[in-house]
């Protein structure tokens, strides 16, 4: 049925839209890409941060200084503008958005 209100039918907990489609199924379908980008970006940040921190900690000296200055440079640039510029230059795709 079209426009079924939420919590009226337990098989359709968020109801239906004007065309009778399940709103919960649409929500899960739309969240797939956002979750994929978020999880991939978090994993990439964890991996890169671990590698850079380990190298800086164990090597020390000049290597530590260079890696920390690179890290400082990334922290001073607004991340949204950097990501927007990167996607504009390379082109929009899921991999580029995760890298940005």
PDB file of N, CA and C in Angstrom:
ATOM      1  N   UNK A   1       0.821  -1.204   0.000  1.00  0.00           N
ATOM      2  CA  UNK A   1       0.000   0.000   0.000  1.00  0.00           C
ATOM      3  C   UNK A   1       0.864   1.267   0.000  1.00  0.00           C
ATOM      4  N   UNK A   2       0.413   2.255  -0.712  1.00  0.00           N
ATOM      5  CA  UNK A   2       1.143   3.522  -0.784  1.00  0.00           C
ATOM      6  C   UNK A   2       0.916   4.354   0.469  1.00  0.00           C
ATOM      7  N   UNK A   3       1.937   5.112   0.878  1.00  0.00           N
ATOM      8  CA  UNK A   3       1.889   6.037   2.012  1.00  0.00           C
ATOM      9  C   UNK A   3       1.442   5.372   3.314  1.00  0.00           C
ATOM     10  N   UNK A   4       1.977   4.192   3.573  1.00  0.00           N
ATOM     11  CA  UNK A   4       1.703   3.519   4.833  1.00  0.00           C
ATOM     12  C   UNK A   4       2.504   4.217   5.931  1.00  0.00           C
ATOM     13  N   UNK A   5       1.879   4.677   7.011  1.00  0.00           N
ATOM     14  CA  UNK A   5       2.611   5.368   8.079  1.00  0.00           C
ATOM     15  C   UNK A   5       3.577   4.420   8.797  1.00  0.00           C
ATOM     16  N   UNK A   6       4.609   4.970   9.415  1.00  0.00           N
ATOM     17  CA  UNK A   6       5.553   4.125  10.159  1.00  0.00           C
ATOM     18  C   UNK A   6       4.884   3.401  11.313  1.00  0.00           C
ATOM     19  N   UNK A   7       5.396   2.232  11.629  1.00  0.00           N
ATOM     20  CA  UNK A   7       4.995   1.398  12.767  1.00  0.00           C
ATOM     21  C   UNK A   7       3.540   0.939  12.720  1.00  0.00           C
ATOM     22  N   UNK A   8       2.936   0.917  11.559  1.00  0.00           N
ATOM     23  CA  UNK A   8       1.586   0.375  11.417  1.00  0.00           C
ATOM     24  C   UNK A   8       1.632  -1.107  11.062  1.00  0.00           C
ATOM     25  N   UNK A   9       2.641  -1.478  10.295  1.00  0.00           N
ATOM     26  CA  UNK A   9       2.817  -2.869   9.869  1.00  0.00           C
ATOM     27  C   UNK A   9       4.252  -3.259  10.211  1.00  0.00           C
ATOM     28  N   UNK A  10       4.448  -4.331  10.998  1.00  0.00           N
ATOM     29  CA  UNK A  10       5.790  -4.681  11.446  1.00  0.00           C
ATOM     30  C   UNK A  10       6.654  -5.246  10.332  1.00  0.00           C
ATOM     31  N   UNK A  11       6.082  -5.629   9.215  1.00  0.00           N
ATOM     32  CA  UNK A  11       6.907  -6.052   8.087  1.00  0.00           C
ATOM     33  C   UNK A  11       7.468  -4.842   7.337  1.00  0.00           C
ATOM     34  N   UNK A  12       6.878  -3.676   7.552  1.00  0.00           N
ATOM     35  CA  UNK A  12       7.354  -2.418   6.973  1.00  0.00           C
ATOM     36  C   UNK A  12       7.490  -1.398   8.106  1.00  0.00           C
ATOM     37  N   UNK A  13       8.570  -1.477   8.905  1.00  0.00           N
ATOM     38  CA  UNK A  13       8.642  -0.660  10.128  1.00  0.00           C
ATOM     39  C   UNK A  13       8.680   0.849   9.892  1.00  0.00           C
ATOM     40  N   UNK A  14       9.222   1.309   8.775  1.00  0.00           N
ATOM     41  CA  UNK A  14       9.234   2.744   8.493  1.00  0.00           C
ATOM     42  C   UNK A  14       8.172   3.156   7.481  1.00  0.00           C
ATOM     43  N   UNK A  15       7.280   2.250   7.163  1.00  0.00           N
ATOM     44  CA  UNK A  15       6.185   2.562   6.244  1.00  0.00           C
ATOM     45  C   UNK A  15       6.625   2.505   4.792  1.00  0.00           C
ATOM     46  N   UNK A  16       5.792   3.091   3.931  1.00  0.00           N
ATOM     47  CA  UNK A  16       6.064   3.094   2.497  1.00  0.00           C
ATOM     48  C   UNK A  16       5.955   4.519   1.960  1.00  0.00           C
ATOM     49  N   UNK A  17       6.514   4.721   0.762  1.00  0.00           N
ATOM     50  CA  UNK A  17       6.436   6.031   0.135  1.00  0.00           C
ATOM     51  C   UNK A  17       5.216   6.099  -0.778  1.00  0.00           C
ATOM     52  N   UNK A  18       5.165   7.116  -1.628  1.00  0.00           N
ATOM     53  CA  UNK A  18       3.987   7.324  -2.484  1.00  0.00           C
ATOM     54  C   UNK A  18       3.765   6.196  -3.498  1.00  0.00           C
ATOM     55  N   UNK A  19       4.847   5.497  -3.841  1.00  0.00           N
ATOM     56  CA  UNK A  19       4.724   4.411  -4.811  1.00  0.00           C
ATOM     57  C   UNK A  19       4.620   3.043  -4.148  1.00  0.00           C
ATOM     58  N   UNK A  20       4.549   3.020  -2.807  1.00  0.00           N
ATOM     59  CA  UNK A  20       4.394   1.762  -2.090  1.00  0.00           C
ATOM     60  C   UNK A  20       5.707   1.041  -1.840  1.00  0.00           C
ATOM     61  N   UNK A  21       6.836   1.734  -1.957  1.00  0.00           N
ATOM     62  CA  UNK A  21       8.146   1.113  -1.733  1.00  0.00           C
ATOM     63  C   UNK A  21       8.510   1.208  -0.252  1.00  0.00           C
ATOM     64  N   UNK A  22       9.214   0.209   0.225  1.00  0.00           N
ATOM     65  CA  UNK A  22       9.630   0.140   1.629  1.00  0.00           C
ATOM     66  C   UNK A  22      10.670   1.228   1.910  1.00  0.00           C
ATOM     67  N   UNK A  23      10.391   2.108   2.871  1.00  0.00           N
ATOM     68  CA  UNK A  23      11.292   3.217   3.201  1.00  0.00           C
ATOM     69  C   UNK A  23      12.567   2.697   3.866  1.00  0.00           C
ATOM     70  N   UNK A  24      12.476   1.668   4.702  1.00  0.00           N
ATOM     71  CA  UNK A  24      13.656   1.108   5.349  1.00  0.00           C
ATOM     72  C   UNK A  24      14.608   0.501   4.317  1.00  0.00           C
ATOM     73  N   UNK A  25      14.083  -0.178   3.331  1.00  0.00           N
ATOM     74  CA  UNK A  25      14.921  -0.742   2.276  1.00  0.00           C
ATOM     75  C   UNK A  25      15.603   0.365   1.473  1.00  0.00           C
ATOM     76  N   UNK A  26      14.891   1.454   1.221  1.00  0.00           N
ATOM     77  CA  UNK A  26      15.498   2.590   0.514  1.00  0.00           C
ATOM     78  C   UNK A  26      16.596   3.222   1.351  1.00  0.00           C
ATOM     79  N   UNK A  27      16.400   3.306   2.658  1.00  0.00           N
ATOM     80  CA  UNK A  27      17.400   3.867   3.562  1.00  0.00           C
ATOM     81  C   UNK A  27      18.672   3.023   3.553  1.00  0.00           C
ATOM     82  N   UNK A  28      18.535   1.714   3.648  1.00  0.00           N
ATOM     83  CA  UNK A  28      19.702   0.831   3.601  1.00  0.00           C
ATOM     84  C   UNK A  28      20.399   0.903   2.249  1.00  0.00           C
ATOM     85  N   UNK A  29      19.627   0.967   1.187  1.00  0.00           N
ATOM     86  CA  UNK A  29      20.212   1.043  -0.157  1.00  0.00           C
ATOM     87  C   UNK A  29      20.997   2.344  -0.335  1.00  0.00           C
ATOM     88  N   UNK A  30      20.485   3.435   0.184  1.00  0.00           N
ATOM     89  CA  UNK A  30      21.167   4.717   0.053  1.00  0.00           C
ATOM     90  C   UNK A  30      22.383   4.845   0.955  1.00  0.00           C
ATOM     91  N   UNK A  31      22.412   4.120   2.057  1.00  0.00           N
ATOM     92  CA  UNK A  31      23.518   4.216   3.005  1.00  0.00           C
ATOM     93  C   UNK A  31      24.719   3.374   2.609  1.00  0.00           C
ATOM     94  N   UNK A  32      24.563   2.494   1.628  1.00  0.00           N
ATOM     95  CA  UNK A  32      25.669   1.608   1.248  1.00  0.00           C
ATOM     96  C   UNK A  32      26.912   2.375   0.838  1.00  0.00           C
ATOM     97  N   UNK A  33      26.776   3.344  -0.048  1.00  0.00           N
ATOM     98  CA  UNK A  33      27.926   4.085  -0.541  1.00  0.00           C
ATOM     99  C   UNK A  33      28.548   4.929   0.562  1.00  0.00           C
ATOM    100  N   UNK A  34      27.741   5.584   1.360  1.00  0.00           N
ATOM    101  CA  UNK A  34      28.266   6.397   2.450  1.00  0.00           C
ATOM    102  C   UNK A  34      29.037   5.545   3.454  1.00  0.00           C
ATOM    103  N   UNK A  35      28.510   4.390   3.788  1.00  0.00           N
ATOM    104  CA  UNK A  35      29.211   3.501   4.713  1.00  0.00           C
ATOM    105  C   UNK A  35      30.495   2.969   4.103  1.00  0.00           C
ATOM    106  N   UNK A  36      30.480   2.633   2.821  1.00  0.00           N
ATOM    107  CA  UNK A  36      31.691   2.142   2.160  1.00  0.00           C
ATOM    108  C   UNK A  36      32.778   3.208   2.158  1.00  0.00           C
ATOM    109  N   UNK A  37      32.421   4.443   1.824  1.00  0.00           N
ATOM    110  CA  UNK A  37      33.399   5.538   1.807  1.00  0.00           C
ATOM    111  C   UNK A  37      33.923   5.799   3.217  1.00  0.00           C
ATOM    112  N   UNK A  38      33.035   5.858   4.190  1.00  0.00           N
ATOM    113  CA  UNK A  38      33.457   6.126   5.566  1.00  0.00           C
ATOM    114  C   UNK A  38      34.363   5.052   6.127  1.00  0.00           C
ATOM    115  N   UNK A  39      34.018   3.794   5.936  1.00  0.00           N
ATOM    116  CA  UNK A  39      34.839   2.705   6.454  1.00  0.00           C
ATOM    117  C   UNK A  39      36.176   2.607   5.734  1.00  0.00           C
ATOM    118  N   UNK A  40      36.172   2.782   4.408  1.00  0.00           N
ATOM    119  CA  UNK A  40      37.429   2.735   3.656  1.00  0.00           C
ATOM    120  C   UNK A  40      38.337   3.900   4.023  1.00  0.00           C
ATOM    121  N   UNK A  41      37.776   5.081   4.190  1.00  0.00           N
ATOM    122  CA  UNK A  41      38.588   6.236   4.572  1.00  0.00           C
ATOM    123  C   UNK A  41      39.149   6.066   5.980  1.00  0.00           C
ATOM    124  N   UNK A  42      38.371   5.528   6.899  1.00  0.00           N
ATOM    125  CA  UNK A  42      38.862   5.295   8.256  1.00  0.00           C
ATOM    126  C   UNK A  42      39.972   4.252   8.266  1.00  0.00           C
ATOM    127  N   UNK A  43      39.804   3.193   7.490  1.00  0.00           N
ATOM    128  CA  UNK A  43      40.845   2.165   7.410  1.00  0.00           C
ATOM    129  C   UNK A  43      42.118   2.715   6.786  1.00  0.00           C
ATOM    130  N   UNK A  44      41.981   3.525   5.733  1.00  0.00           N
ATOM    131  CA  UNK A  44      43.155   4.119   5.090  1.00  0.00           C
ATOM    132  C   UNK A  44      43.867   5.076   6.036  1.00  0.00           C
ATOM    133  N   UNK A  45      43.121   5.891   6.755  1.00  0.00           N
ATOM    134  CA  UNK A  45      43.724   6.821   7.707  1.00  0.00           C
ATOM    135  C   UNK A  45      44.439   6.070   8.829  1.00  0.00           C
ATOM    136  N   UNK A  46      43.838   4.995   9.305  1.00  0.00           N
ATOM    137  CA  UNK A  46      44.459   4.197  10.353  1.00  0.00           C
ATOM    138  C   UNK A  46      45.757   3.570   9.855  1.00  0.00           C
ATOM    139  N   UNK A  47      45.742   3.037   8.658  1.00  0.00           N
ATOM    140  CA  UNK A  47      46.932   2.406   8.092  1.00  0.00           C
ATOM    141  C   UNK A  47      48.038   3.429   7.859  1.00  0.00           C
ATOM    142  N   UNK A  48      47.709   4.534   7.213  1.00  0.00           N
ATOM    143  CA  UNK A  48      48.724   5.556   6.918  1.00  0.00           C
ATOM    144  C   UNK A  48      49.250   6.180   8.210  1.00  0.00           C
ATOM    145  N   UNK A  49      48.372   6.488   9.140  1.00  0.00           N
ATOM    146  CA  UNK A  49      48.800   7.070  10.411  1.00  0.00           C
ATOM    147  C   UNK A  49      49.694   6.136  11.207  1.00  0.00           C
ATOM    148  N   UNK A  50      49.381   4.850  11.194  1.00  0.00           N
ATOM    149  CA  UNK A  50      50.206   3.877  11.897  1.00  0.00           C
ATOM    150  C   UNK A  50      51.587   3.778  11.276  1.00  0.00           C
ATOM    151  N   UNK A  51      51.643   3.734   9.956  1.00  0.00           N
ATOM    152  CA  UNK A  51      52.935   3.626   9.267  1.00  0.00           C
ATOM    153  C   UNK A  51      53.781   4.883   9.502  1.00  0.00           C
ATOM    154  N   UNK A  52      53.184   6.054   9.319  1.00  0.00           N
ATOM    155  CA  UNK A  52      53.938   7.307   9.502  1.00  0.00           C
ATOM    156  C   UNK A  52      54.384   7.450  10.953  1.00  0.00           C
ATOM    157  N   UNK A  53      53.516   7.179  11.902  1.00  0.00           N
ATOM    158  CA  UNK A  53      53.880   7.290  13.313  1.00  0.00           C
ATOM    159  C   UNK A  53      54.962   6.303  13.712  1.00  0.00           C
ATOM    160  N   UNK A  54      54.881   5.091  13.206  1.00  0.00           N
ATOM    161  CA  UNK A  54      55.897   4.089  13.520  1.00  0.00           C
ATOM    162  C   UNK A  54      57.246   4.475  12.932  1.00  0.00           C
ATOM    163  N   UNK A  55      57.240   4.907  11.669  1.00  0.00           N
ATOM    164  CA  UNK A  55      58.491   5.336  11.048  1.00  0.00           C
ATOM    165  C   UNK A  55      59.098   6.521  11.792  1.00  0.00           C
ATOM    166  N   UNK A  56      58.275   7.500  12.133  1.00  0.00           N
ATOM    167  CA  UNK A  56      58.782   8.673  12.843  1.00  0.00           C
ATOM    168  C   UNK A  56      59.301   8.301  14.225  1.00  0.00           C
ATOM    169  N   UNK A  57      58.625   7.403  14.890  1.00  0.00           N
ATOM    170  CA  UNK A  57      59.036   7.025  16.235  1.00  0.00           C
ATOM    171  C   UNK A  57      60.311   6.206  16.264  1.00  0.00           C
ATOM    172  N   UNK A  58      60.434   5.255  15.364  1.00  0.00           N
ATOM    173  CA  UNK A  58      61.615   4.402  15.365  1.00  0.00           C
ATOM    174  C   UNK A  58      62.826   5.053  14.712  1.00  0.00           C
ATOM    175  N   UNK A  59      62.605   5.823  13.636  1.00  0.00           N
ATOM    176  CA  UNK A  59      63.743   6.414  12.926  1.00  0.00           C
ATOM    177  C   UNK A  59      64.296   7.614  13.674  1.00  0.00           C
ATOM    178  N   UNK A  60      63.405   8.514  14.118  1.00  0.00           N
ATOM    179  CA  UNK A  60      63.854   9.702  14.830  1.00  0.00           C
ATOM    180  C   UNK A  60      64.665  10.625  13.930  1.00  0.00           C
ATOM    181  N   UNK A  61      65.236  11.635  14.522  1.00  0.00           N
ATOM    182  CA  UNK A  61      66.129  12.545  13.810  1.00  0.00           C
ATOM    183  C   UNK A  61      65.484  13.240  12.623  1.00  0.00           C
ATOM    184  N   UNK A  62      66.177  13.239  11.501  1.00  0.00           N
ATOM    185  CA  UNK A  62      65.745  13.950  10.298  1.00  0.00           C
ATOM    186  C   UNK A  62      64.462  13.358   9.719  1.00  0.00           C
ATOM    187  N   UNK A  63      64.350  12.040   9.708  1.00  0.00           N
ATOM    188  CA  UNK A  63      63.147  11.395   9.158  1.00  0.00           C
ATOM    189  C   UNK A  63      61.924  11.786   9.975  1.00  0.00           C
ATOM    190  N   UNK A  64      62.068  11.819  11.277  1.00  0.00           N
ATOM    191  CA  UNK A  64      60.976  12.243  12.164  1.00  0.00           C
ATOM    192  C   UNK A  64      60.567  13.680  11.860  1.00  0.00           C
ATOM    193  N   UNK A  65      61.528  14.566  11.711  1.00  0.00           N
ATOM    194  CA  UNK A  65      61.228  15.969  11.413  1.00  0.00           C
ATOM    195  C   UNK A  65      60.509  16.128  10.082  1.00  0.00           C
ATOM    196  N   UNK A  66      60.969  15.433   9.046  1.00  0.00           N
ATOM    197  CA  UNK A  66      60.349  15.529   7.716  1.00  0.00           C
ATOM    198  C   UNK A  66      58.918  15.004   7.764  1.00  0.00           C
ATOM    199  N   UNK A  67      58.717  13.849   8.371  1.00  0.00           N
ATOM    200  CA  UNK A  67      57.363  13.279   8.443  1.00  0.00           C
ATOM    201  C   UNK A  67      56.419  14.162   9.257  1.00  0.00           C
ATOM    202  N   UNK A  68      56.896  14.744  10.316  1.00  0.00           N
ATOM    203  CA  UNK A  68      56.038  15.603  11.126  1.00  0.00           C
ATOM    204  C   UNK A  68      55.722  16.916  10.416  1.00  0.00           C
ATOM    205  N   UNK A  69      56.642  17.445   9.634  1.00  0.00           N
ATOM    206  CA  UNK A  69      56.348  18.663   8.864  1.00  0.00           C
ATOM    207  C   UNK A  69      55.331  18.372   7.762  1.00  0.00           C
ATOM    208  N   UNK A  70      55.415  17.207   7.152  1.00  0.00           N
ATOM    209  CA  UNK A  70      54.402  16.818   6.155  1.00  0.00           C
ATOM    210  C   UNK A  70      53.046  16.681   6.823  1.00  0.00           C
ATOM    211  N   UNK A  71      53.012  16.050   7.992  1.00  0.00           N
ATOM    212  CA  UNK A  71      51.765  15.913   8.750  1.00  0.00           C
ATOM    213  C   UNK A  71      51.206  17.286   9.131  1.00  0.00           C
ATOM    214  N   UNK A  72      52.063  18.191   9.571  1.00  0.00           N
ATOM    215  CA  UNK A  72      51.625  19.551   9.915  1.00  0.00           C
ATOM    216  C   UNK A  72      51.056  20.268   8.701  1.00  0.00           C
ATOM    217  N   UNK A  73      51.662  20.063   7.536  1.00  0.00           N
ATOM    218  CA  UNK A  73      51.164  20.703   6.315  1.00  0.00           C
ATOM    219  C   UNK A  73      49.758  20.219   5.981  1.00  0.00           C
ATOM    220  N   UNK A  74      49.500  18.935   6.156  1.00  0.00           N
ATOM    221  CA  UNK A  74      48.162  18.413   5.887  1.00  0.00           C
ATOM    222  C   UNK A  74      47.149  18.912   6.905  1.00  0.00           C
ATOM    223  N   UNK A  75      47.573  19.157   8.131  1.00  0.00           N
ATOM    224  CA  UNK A  75      46.650  19.615   9.162  1.00  0.00           C
ATOM    225  C   UNK A  75      46.298  21.091   9.020  1.00  0.00           C
ATOM    226  N   UNK A  76      47.159  21.884   8.384  1.00  0.00           N
ATOM    227  CA  UNK A  76      46.872  23.309   8.251  1.00  0.00           C
ATOM    228  C   UNK A  76      45.953  23.615   7.079  1.00  0.00           C
ATOM    229  N   UNK A  77      45.938  22.763   6.066  1.00  0.00           N
ATOM    230  CA  UNK A  77      45.064  22.973   4.912  1.00  0.00           C
ATOM    231  C   UNK A  77      43.674  22.457   5.272  1.00  0.00           C
ATOM    232  N   UNK A  78      42.619  23.233   5.031  1.00  0.00           N
ATOM    233  CA  UNK A  78      41.262  22.737   5.308  1.00  0.00           C
ATOM    234  C   UNK A  78      40.979  21.465   4.511  1.00  0.00           C
ATOM    235  N   UNK A  79      40.594  20.425   5.202  1.00  0.00           N
ATOM    236  CA  UNK A  79      40.457  19.105   4.572  1.00  0.00           C
ATOM    237  C   UNK A  79      39.384  19.080   3.489  1.00  0.00           C
ATOM    238  N   UNK A  80      38.294  19.795   3.692  1.00  0.00           N
ATOM    239  CA  UNK A  80      37.237  19.792   2.677  1.00  0.00           C
ATOM    240  C   UNK A  80      37.714  20.430   1.382  1.00  0.00           C
ATOM    241  N   UNK A  81      38.434  21.546   1.482  1.00  0.00           N
ATOM    242  CA  UNK A  81      38.942  22.200   0.275  1.00  0.00           C
ATOM    243  C   UNK A  81      39.986  21.333  -0.429  1.00  0.00           C
ATOM    244  N   UNK A  82      40.832  20.665   0.349  1.00  0.00           N
ATOM    245  CA  UNK A  82      41.814  19.764  -0.236  1.00  0.00           C
ATOM    246  C   UNK A  82      41.123  18.608  -0.955  1.00  0.00           C
ATOM    247  N   UNK A  83      40.110  18.024  -0.339  1.00  0.00           N
ATOM    248  CA  UNK A  83      39.371  16.926  -0.962  1.00  0.00           C
ATOM    249  C   UNK A  83      38.638  17.399  -2.212  1.00  0.00           C
ATOM    250  N   UNK A  84      38.047  18.578  -2.156  1.00  0.00           N
ATOM    251  CA  UNK A  84      37.340  19.128  -3.312  1.00  0.00           C
ATOM    252  C   UNK A  84      38.297  19.374  -4.473  1.00  0.00           C
ATOM    253  N   UNK A  85      39.460  19.919  -4.184  1.00  0.00           N
ATOM    254  CA  UNK A  85      40.452  20.161  -5.235  1.00  0.00           C
ATOM    255  C   UNK A  85      40.949  18.842  -5.819  1.00  0.00           C
ATOM    256  N   UNK A  86      41.176  17.854  -4.975  1.00  0.00           N
ATOM    257  CA  UNK A  86      41.658  16.552  -5.442  1.00  0.00           C
ATOM    258  C   UNK A  86      40.643  15.877  -6.355  1.00  0.00           C
ATOM    259  N   UNK A  87      39.380  15.897  -5.961  1.00  0.00           N
ATOM    260  CA  UNK A  87      38.334  15.278  -6.785  1.00  0.00           C
ATOM    261  C   UNK A  87      38.153  16.059  -8.088  1.00  0.00           C
ATOM    262  N   UNK A  88      38.293  17.385  -8.038  1.00  0.00           N
ATOM    263  CA  UNK A  88      38.157  18.197  -9.250  1.00  0.00           C
ATOM    264  C   UNK A  88      39.274  17.912 -10.245  1.00  0.00           C
ATOM    265  N   UNK A  89      40.470  17.676  -9.746  1.00  0.00           N
ATOM    266  CA  UNK A  89      41.610  17.433 -10.631  1.00  0.00           C
ATOM    267  C   UNK A  89      41.582  16.016 -11.195  1.00  0.00           C
ATOM    268  N   UNK A  90      41.391  15.025 -10.340  1.00  0.00           N
ATOM    269  CA  UNK A  90      41.476  13.625 -10.754  1.00  0.00           C
ATOM    270  C   UNK A  90      40.194  13.148 -11.429  1.00  0.00           C
ATOM    271  N   UNK A  91      39.058  13.570 -10.920  1.00  0.00           N
ATOM    272  CA  UNK A  91      37.777  13.128 -11.455  1.00  0.00           C
ATOM    273  C   UNK A  91      36.985  12.377 -10.401  1.00  0.00           C
ATOM    274  N   UNK A  92      35.660  12.459 -10.483  1.00  0.00           N
ATOM    275  CA  UNK A  92      34.836  11.825  -9.443  1.00  0.00           C
ATOM    276  C   UNK A  92      34.686  10.318  -9.653  1.00  0.00           C
ATOM    277  N   UNK A  93      35.051   9.564  -8.642  1.00  0.00           N
ATOM    278  CA  UNK A  93      34.783   8.121  -8.589  1.00  0.00           C
ATOM    279  C   UNK A  93      34.856   7.704  -7.131  1.00  0.00           C
ATOM    280  N   UNK A  94      34.431   6.512  -6.822  1.00  0.00           N
ATOM    281  CA  UNK A  94      34.395   6.062  -5.445  1.00  0.00           C
ATOM    282  C   UNK A  94      35.810   5.979  -4.863  1.00  0.00           C
ATOM    283  N   UNK A  95      36.744   5.489  -5.631  1.00  0.00           N
ATOM    284  CA  UNK A  95      38.124   5.385  -5.158  1.00  0.00           C
ATOM    285  C   UNK A  95      38.753   6.740  -4.897  1.00  0.00           C
ATOM    286  N   UNK A  96      38.476   7.708  -5.749  1.00  0.00           N
ATOM    287  CA  UNK A  96      39.027   9.055  -5.577  1.00  0.00           C
ATOM    288  C   UNK A  96      38.425   9.718  -4.344  1.00  0.00           C
ATOM    289  N   UNK A  97      37.139   9.510  -4.102  1.00  0.00           N
ATOM    290  CA  UNK A  97      36.494  10.103  -2.928  1.00  0.00           C
ATOM    291  C   UNK A  97      37.083   9.487  -1.655  1.00  0.00           C
ATOM    292  N   UNK A  98      37.343   8.186  -1.651  1.00  0.00           N
ATOM    293  CA  UNK A  98      37.962   7.551  -0.484  1.00  0.00           C
ATOM    294  C   UNK A  98      39.362   8.095  -0.271  1.00  0.00           C
ATOM    295  N   UNK A  99      40.133   8.239  -1.350  1.00  0.00           N
ATOM    296  CA  UNK A  99      41.496   8.774  -1.233  1.00  0.00           C
ATOM    297  C   UNK A  99      41.480  10.214  -0.753  1.00  0.00           C
ATOM    298  N   UNK A 100      40.512  10.987  -1.219  1.00  0.00           N
ATOM    299  CA  UNK A 100      40.422  12.401  -0.806  1.00  0.00           C
ATOM    300  C   UNK A 100      40.066  12.495   0.657  1.00  0.00           C
TER     301      UNK A 100
END
